[in-house]
Each structure stands twice: as structure tokens, then as C-alpha cells.
């Protein structure tokens, strides 16, 4: 079966999707628009949209800035299932 372009380009996209869902839930809980969150964390609002949709890989600094803007500990953005048997460890 052929993979989509996004699946070929972004390894572990399901985890990016889960991370993005956590960003979206928190942003909505704080009643922030993309632009409002972007101003709080100095990340372009279009990048926030892509993060929430699991379409953008993240650098460490971006995760820290998002956490500050969302007023949440970074570890809470990673609150999703991560089966270790799939990682080969």
C-alpha cells in the first residue's frame, strides 16, 4: 500500500497528531485564538495550526515556547499512549 506524502515525510506522525490534539485542547481551554497563542509564545499562527494538525515536526525550543504560551508543563503536551514495543526498545 502506498503511503501519503505526509506519512513518508514525517516519521511517527501519529505521535505528532496526539501532541497536536493536546495543544488544541489546551488552547481551547484557555479560549485563545491561533493569533493570541502566537503572540504569547512568539510562534507564527500558521505554524500553530500545522502543529495542531500533526503536520509539523517540532524543535525543542518550539515545545518550550508553546508550553509557556499555553501555561502548561511541557510533559503535559506529551500525555498520550506510547507503546514501547513499537519503538524496538
Foldseek 3Di string as FASTA:
>chain_A
DDDDPQPVPDPPLVQLQLLLCLLVVLCVVVPHQLVQLCVQLVDDSVVNVCSNRSRDDDDPSSLVSSCRSSVHDSVSSNPDDDDPVVVVD
